[in-house]
Protein backbone atom coordinates (compact mmCIF):
# COMPACT_ATOMS: atom_id res chain seq x y z
CA MET A 1 4.08 92.21 127.09
CA ASN A 2 1.66 94.77 128.48
CA TYR A 3 2.06 98.46 127.70
CA ARG A 4 1.27 101.60 129.69
CA THR A 5 0.93 105.26 128.70
CA PHE A 6 3.97 107.32 129.64
CA GLY A 7 2.08 110.18 131.24
CA LYS A 8 1.66 113.42 129.34
CA THR A 9 3.98 112.27 126.51
CA GLY A 10 1.35 109.83 125.27
CA TRP A 11 4.00 107.19 124.50
CA SER A 12 2.98 103.55 124.79
CA VAL A 13 5.86 101.87 126.60
CA SER A 14 6.41 98.32 127.78
CA GLU A 15 5.66 98.04 131.48
CA VAL A 16 8.90 96.09 131.86
CA GLY A 17 11.79 98.06 130.44
CA PHE A 18 15.54 97.48 130.40
CA GLY A 19 17.91 99.13 132.87
CA ALA A 20 21.27 99.51 131.12
CA TRP A 21 23.50 100.25 134.11
CA ALA A 22 24.82 96.69 134.38
CA ILE A 23 25.92 96.55 130.74
CA GLY A 24 27.91 99.76 131.20
CA GLY A 25 29.84 99.02 134.37
CA SER A 26 29.88 98.78 138.18
CA TRP A 27 28.22 95.35 138.17
CA GLY A 28 31.22 93.13 137.61
CA SER A 29 32.26 91.77 134.24
CA VAL A 30 29.73 91.72 131.40
CA SER A 31 30.98 90.87 127.91
CA ARG A 32 29.84 92.92 124.94
CA SER A 33 28.33 89.84 123.36
CA ASP A 34 26.28 89.15 126.49
CA ALA A 35 25.17 92.79 126.65
CA ASP A 36 24.00 92.73 123.04
CA ALA A 37 22.28 89.38 123.51
CA ALA A 38 20.49 90.61 126.63
CA LEU A 39 19.18 93.67 124.79
CA ASP A 40 18.09 91.59 121.81
CA ALA A 41 16.25 89.15 124.07
CA ALA A 42 14.45 92.03 125.75
CA MET A 43 13.39 93.44 122.37
CA ASP A 44 12.19 90.01 121.25
CA ALA A 45 10.01 89.90 124.37
CA GLY A 46 8.35 93.22 123.54
CA VAL A 47 10.46 95.62 125.60
CA ASN A 48 10.62 99.07 123.99
CA PHE A 49 11.89 101.30 126.84
CA ILE A 50 15.58 101.49 127.74
CA ASP A 51 17.08 103.52 130.56
CA THR A 52 20.75 104.44 130.50
CA ALA A 53 23.01 107.31 131.66
CA ASP A 54 26.05 109.18 130.44
CA VAL A 55 28.15 107.92 133.36
CA TYR A 56 27.43 104.21 132.91
CA GLY A 57 30.82 103.03 131.73
CA ASP A 58 31.70 106.65 130.87
CA GLY A 59 29.27 106.54 127.96
CA GLU A 60 29.77 102.89 127.00
CA SER A 61 26.21 101.98 127.94
CA GLU A 62 24.86 104.73 125.67
CA ARG A 63 27.08 103.53 122.82
CA ILE A 64 25.86 99.95 123.23
CA VAL A 65 22.27 101.21 123.10
CA ALA A 66 23.13 103.19 119.94
CA ASP A 67 24.09 99.97 118.19
CA LEU A 68 20.78 98.45 119.29
CA ILE A 69 18.85 101.38 117.82
CA ASP A 70 20.63 100.79 114.51
CA ARG A 71 19.71 97.12 114.30
CA VAL A 72 16.13 97.23 115.61
CA PRO A 73 13.54 98.59 113.17
CA ASP A 74 10.80 99.07 115.74
CA ARG A 75 10.30 102.25 117.73
CA LEU A 76 12.37 102.37 120.90
CA PHE A 77 12.06 104.90 123.67
CA VAL A 78 15.46 105.73 125.12
CA ALA A 79 15.96 107.59 128.38
CA THR A 80 19.34 108.82 129.54
CA LYS A 81 20.54 111.02 132.40
CA LEU A 82 22.86 113.92 133.02
CA GLY A 83 24.61 115.62 135.90
CA ARG A 84 26.79 113.03 137.58
CA ARG A 85 29.74 114.02 135.41
CA LEU A 86 29.91 117.34 137.25
CA SER A 87 32.94 117.71 139.50
CA PRO A 88 32.26 118.85 142.09
CA HIS A 89 28.70 117.56 141.94
CA VAL A 90 27.00 120.63 143.42
CA ALA A 91 23.71 122.38 142.71
CA GLU A 92 25.22 125.57 141.31
CA ALA A 93 27.05 123.54 138.64
CA TYR A 94 23.73 122.63 136.98
CA THR A 95 23.96 125.52 134.53
CA ALA A 96 22.32 125.74 131.13
CA GLY A 97 25.69 125.51 129.41
CA ALA A 98 26.86 122.49 131.36
CA MET A 99 23.62 120.60 130.79
CA GLU A 100 23.60 121.32 127.06
CA GLY A 101 27.17 120.07 126.87
CA PHE A 102 26.17 116.80 128.50
CA ILE A 103 23.19 116.50 126.13
CA ASP A 104 25.43 117.04 123.11
CA ARG A 105 27.74 114.27 124.32
CA SER A 106 24.80 111.88 124.83
CA LEU A 107 23.42 112.75 121.38
CA SER A 108 26.79 111.76 119.95
CA ASN A 109 27.01 108.57 122.01
CA LEU A 110 23.48 107.51 121.08
CA ARG A 111 23.84 108.68 117.46
CA VAL A 112 20.40 110.28 117.43
CA GLU A 113 19.17 113.78 116.55
CA ARG A 114 16.88 114.03 119.56
CA ILE A 115 16.76 112.15 122.87
CA ASP A 116 13.35 110.91 123.98
CA LEU A 117 13.81 111.52 127.70
CA VAL A 118 16.62 113.17 129.64
CA GLN A 119 16.62 112.94 133.43
CA LEU A 120 18.55 114.89 136.03
CA HIS A 121 20.66 112.14 137.61
CA CYS A 122 20.03 112.23 141.36
CA PRO A 123 21.14 115.85 141.73
CA PRO A 124 21.69 117.62 145.06
CA THR A 125 18.37 118.47 146.71
CA GLN A 126 18.92 122.19 146.16
CA VAL A 127 18.58 121.69 142.39
CA PHE A 128 14.86 121.10 142.85
CA TYR A 129 14.63 124.64 144.26
CA GLN A 130 16.30 126.16 141.18
CA PRO A 131 13.60 127.08 138.62
CA GLU A 132 16.35 128.17 136.24
CA THR A 133 17.54 124.56 135.96
CA PHE A 134 14.15 123.43 134.72
CA ALA A 135 13.83 126.50 132.48
CA ALA A 136 17.09 125.41 130.84
CA LEU A 137 15.58 121.98 130.20
CA ASP A 138 12.57 123.69 128.61
CA GLN A 139 14.99 125.49 126.28
CA LEU A 140 16.60 122.19 125.30
CA VAL A 141 13.15 120.91 124.37
CA ALA A 142 12.55 124.08 122.35
CA LYS A 143 15.87 123.56 120.55
CA GLY A 144 14.79 120.05 119.58
CA LYS A 145 17.65 118.28 121.35
CA ILE A 146 15.34 116.46 123.77
CA ALA A 147 11.68 115.49 123.47
CA SER A 148 10.93 115.55 127.19
CA TYR A 149 12.60 115.55 130.58
CA GLY A 150 12.26 114.05 134.01
CA VAL A 151 14.19 113.56 137.22
CA SER A 152 15.85 110.63 138.90
CA VAL A 153 15.69 111.12 142.65
CA GLU A 154 16.94 109.54 145.85
CA LYS A 155 14.24 110.91 148.14
CA VAL A 156 10.46 111.02 148.01
CA GLU A 157 10.56 114.68 149.00
CA GLU A 158 12.66 115.52 145.94
CA GLY A 159 10.11 113.86 143.68
CA ILE A 160 7.26 115.78 145.29
CA LYS A 161 9.13 119.07 144.82
CA ALA A 162 9.89 118.24 141.18
CA LEU A 163 6.15 117.84 140.51
CA GLU A 164 5.82 121.61 140.82
CA TYR A 165 7.47 122.02 137.40
CA GLU A 166 4.78 122.06 134.74
CA HIS A 167 6.55 120.20 131.97
CA LEU A 168 8.04 117.40 134.06
CA ALA A 169 7.32 114.10 132.30
CA SER A 170 8.62 111.52 134.76
CA ILE A 171 10.10 110.69 138.13
CA GLN A 172 12.51 107.80 138.49
CA ILE A 173 12.82 106.47 142.02
CA ILE A 174 13.84 103.32 143.86
CA PHE A 175 10.68 101.31 144.41
CA ASN A 176 10.63 97.66 145.36
CA ILE A 177 9.46 95.31 148.11
CA PHE A 178 12.20 96.75 150.37
CA ARG A 179 11.48 100.40 149.51
CA GLN A 180 7.72 100.98 149.68
CA ARG A 181 7.47 104.60 150.82
CA PRO A 182 6.89 106.14 147.35
CA ALA A 183 3.49 104.44 147.20
CA ASP A 184 2.24 106.35 150.23
CA LEU A 185 1.99 109.88 148.75
CA LEU A 186 4.26 110.40 145.75
CA PHE A 187 2.37 107.99 143.53
CA ARG A 188 -0.96 109.73 144.13
CA LEU A 189 0.46 113.17 143.44
CA ALA A 190 2.22 111.97 140.28
CA LYS A 191 -0.99 110.45 138.93
CA GLU A 192 -2.85 113.70 139.59
CA ARG A 193 -0.29 115.57 137.48
CA ASP A 194 -0.02 112.89 134.77
CA VAL A 195 3.65 112.30 135.54
CA SER A 196 5.09 108.85 134.90
CA ILE A 197 6.86 106.79 137.54
CA ILE A 198 9.94 104.79 136.50
CA ALA A 199 10.71 102.18 139.18
CA ARG A 200 14.43 101.51 139.47
CA VAL A 201 16.45 99.01 141.54
CA PRO A 202 13.37 96.75 141.35
CA LEU A 203 15.22 93.63 142.51
CA SER A 204 17.18 95.42 145.23
CA SER A 205 20.51 94.92 143.42
CA GLY A 206 19.62 91.27 142.86
CA MET A 207 18.73 90.54 146.49
CA LEU A 208 15.07 89.98 145.59
CA SER A 209 16.06 87.46 142.92
CA GLY A 210 16.46 85.01 145.80
CA LYS A 211 19.77 83.76 144.42
CA PHE A 212 22.10 85.08 147.12
CA THR A 213 23.34 83.36 150.27
CA LYS A 214 25.65 84.35 153.11
CA GLU A 215 28.49 82.94 151.02
CA SER A 216 27.78 85.13 147.97
CA ARG A 217 30.70 87.29 146.89
CA PHE A 218 30.96 90.05 144.30
CA GLU A 219 33.77 91.25 142.07
CA ALA A 220 35.83 94.23 143.22
CA ASP A 221 34.39 96.50 140.52
CA ASP A 222 30.80 95.57 141.44
CA HIS A 223 29.03 98.22 143.53
CA ARG A 224 27.60 95.42 145.65
CA SER A 225 31.16 95.02 146.86
CA PHE A 226 32.51 98.59 146.93
CA ASN A 227 29.39 100.57 147.92
CA ARG A 228 27.98 98.50 150.79
CA ASN A 229 28.29 101.51 153.12
CA GLY A 230 27.83 104.28 150.57
CA GLU A 231 31.53 104.73 149.86
CA ALA A 232 31.00 105.71 146.19
CA PHE A 233 27.41 107.00 145.99
CA ASP A 234 24.17 106.88 147.93
CA VAL A 235 24.03 103.65 149.92
CA GLY A 236 20.36 103.28 149.02
CA GLU A 237 21.38 102.32 145.47
CA THR A 238 23.02 99.13 146.79
CA PHE A 239 20.62 96.51 148.18
CA SER A 240 18.15 99.38 148.69
CA GLY A 241 20.14 100.47 151.74
CA VAL A 242 19.30 97.25 153.60
CA ASP A 243 22.22 95.36 155.11
CA PHE A 244 22.98 92.06 153.39
CA GLU A 245 22.05 89.69 156.22
CA THR A 246 18.74 91.45 156.94
CA GLY A 247 17.88 91.30 153.25
CA LEU A 248 18.59 87.58 153.08
CA ALA A 249 16.35 86.90 156.06
CA ALA A 250 13.51 88.94 154.58
CA VAL A 251 13.79 87.15 151.24
CA ASP A 252 13.53 83.80 152.99
CA GLU A 253 10.31 85.00 154.62
CA LEU A 254 8.97 86.21 151.27
CA ARG A 255 9.54 82.88 149.49
CA PRO A 256 6.30 81.18 150.64
CA LEU A 257 4.30 84.07 149.16
CA LYS A 258 5.72 83.51 145.68
CA PRO A 259 3.44 81.86 143.11
CA ALA A 260 4.68 78.32 142.56
CA ASP A 261 5.34 78.80 138.85
CA ALA A 262 7.15 82.14 139.15
CA SER A 263 10.73 82.99 139.99
CA MET A 264 11.47 85.26 142.93
CA ALA A 265 12.53 87.97 140.47
CA GLN A 266 9.26 87.72 138.54
CA PHE A 267 7.35 87.84 141.83
CA ALA A 268 9.20 91.01 142.86
CA LEU A 269 8.60 92.66 139.48
CA LYS A 270 4.92 91.72 139.42
CA TRP A 271 4.53 93.22 142.91
CA ILE A 272 5.79 96.55 141.55
CA LEU A 273 3.46 96.34 138.56
CA SER A 274 0.48 95.92 140.88
CA PHE A 275 0.70 99.70 141.42
CA ASP A 276 -0.99 101.51 138.56
CA ALA A 277 1.01 104.70 139.19
CA VAL A 278 4.10 102.85 137.96
CA THR A 279 4.53 103.24 134.22
CA VAL A 280 7.62 101.12 133.72
CA VAL A 281 9.96 99.04 135.86
CA ILE A 282 13.58 98.83 134.69
CA PRO A 283 15.40 95.68 135.83
CA GLY A 284 18.88 95.15 134.50
CA ALA A 285 20.13 91.98 132.86
CA LYS A 286 23.61 90.63 132.17
CA ASN A 287 22.54 87.90 129.73
CA PRO A 288 19.60 87.00 127.48
CA GLU A 289 18.13 84.50 129.92
CA GLN A 290 17.75 87.15 132.61
CA ALA A 291 16.32 89.66 130.14
CA ALA A 292 13.70 87.22 128.82
CA ALA A 293 12.69 86.11 132.32
CA ASN A 294 12.32 89.71 133.49
CA ALA A 295 10.13 90.60 130.53
CA ALA A 296 7.95 87.53 131.15
CA ALA A 297 6.89 89.00 134.50
CA SER A 298 4.52 91.28 132.59
CA GLY A 299 2.34 88.41 131.44
CA ARG A 300 2.03 86.73 134.81
CA ALA A 301 -1.25 86.74 136.74
CA ASN A 302 -1.86 89.62 139.09
CA LEU A 303 -1.00 89.02 142.74
CA ASP A 304 -3.98 88.55 145.02
CA TRP A 305 -4.85 90.64 148.06
CA LYS A 306 -3.58 88.03 150.51
CA THR A 307 -0.16 88.00 148.86
CA LEU A 308 0.07 91.77 148.73
CA SER A 309 -0.87 91.96 152.41
CA GLY A 310 1.80 89.41 153.26
CA VAL A 311 4.46 91.43 151.47
CA ARG A 312 3.42 94.56 153.34
CA ARG A 313 3.58 92.77 156.69
CA ILE A 314 7.13 91.54 156.07
CA TYR A 315 8.18 95.04 155.01
CA GLU A 316 6.70 96.61 158.11
CA GLU A 317 8.17 94.02 160.48
CA ARG A 318 11.67 93.62 159.01
CA ILE A 319 12.54 96.53 156.72
CA LYS A 320 10.47 99.67 157.31
CA GLY A 321 12.33 100.87 160.37
CA LEU A 322 15.63 100.74 158.49
CA VAL A 323 14.72 102.67 155.33
CA HIS A 324 11.27 104.24 155.33
CA GLN A 325 12.05 107.71 156.67
CA ARG A 326 15.58 107.86 155.26
CA TRP A 327 14.54 108.13 151.62
């Protein structure tokens, strides 16, 4: 496993982390034993960064991570998120009191005295124009409840606006072969300000694993079934906002670019890691085999210029017009 410095925090984190959404809910059935085994396999492979949220399984994901913290002696860096529990989910609801309440609940779920990283969870755009929201986060740092804070965003523009806040540690954003816009400007600005980039949805909800066909079906409680058109949350979180058939066709065109000894998922993860602005990529895993294979992407050889150019061409020809300006 290779490690990268998490911006101004100075933490040394594994460049492949663990996204804990799938073990909390909205990805079909995942047994507790499989969730624990997946986390253990990731730790065995050198992963030390875990991303979760208070709404994943209504706190279940955080509680599963708490058990991991108890049984792993090595230092783990745990990031969670707040805000999506607000109802209605509106900018003016991001008050100091509400956010501290969410933090207290996550502290209890995770069974820790201080949370390493708390991220605003894809808030309404107006939140990024509310300095008082970020001042409240500064107060939570001063109180010792959180070590640092960042933002999880839907849009590049939101990430750029967030960079104006001095103590921002990280920006989490969808970045994968099907969503390449962040690399155009956001990455450069983040590097200039020593702000880490957390790349989420790296496999485009599994599409870039290369395992799906036109006959693939998903369980009713899997967002790949119930959020195809953005019925529950931003459509960009499901298959990166690319319709299923278009994604399948693009994956078929990507296959010849894959190194012969790598899986499609490892190829997709290594493509993300070719960008030095990315600190950590956070694929999910439902079982130990997936977790170990994801982590192994770190040790693979770097992709050559010809391969990177081929990926860019397929994006520009098949995908860019569908997603580039939307997010």
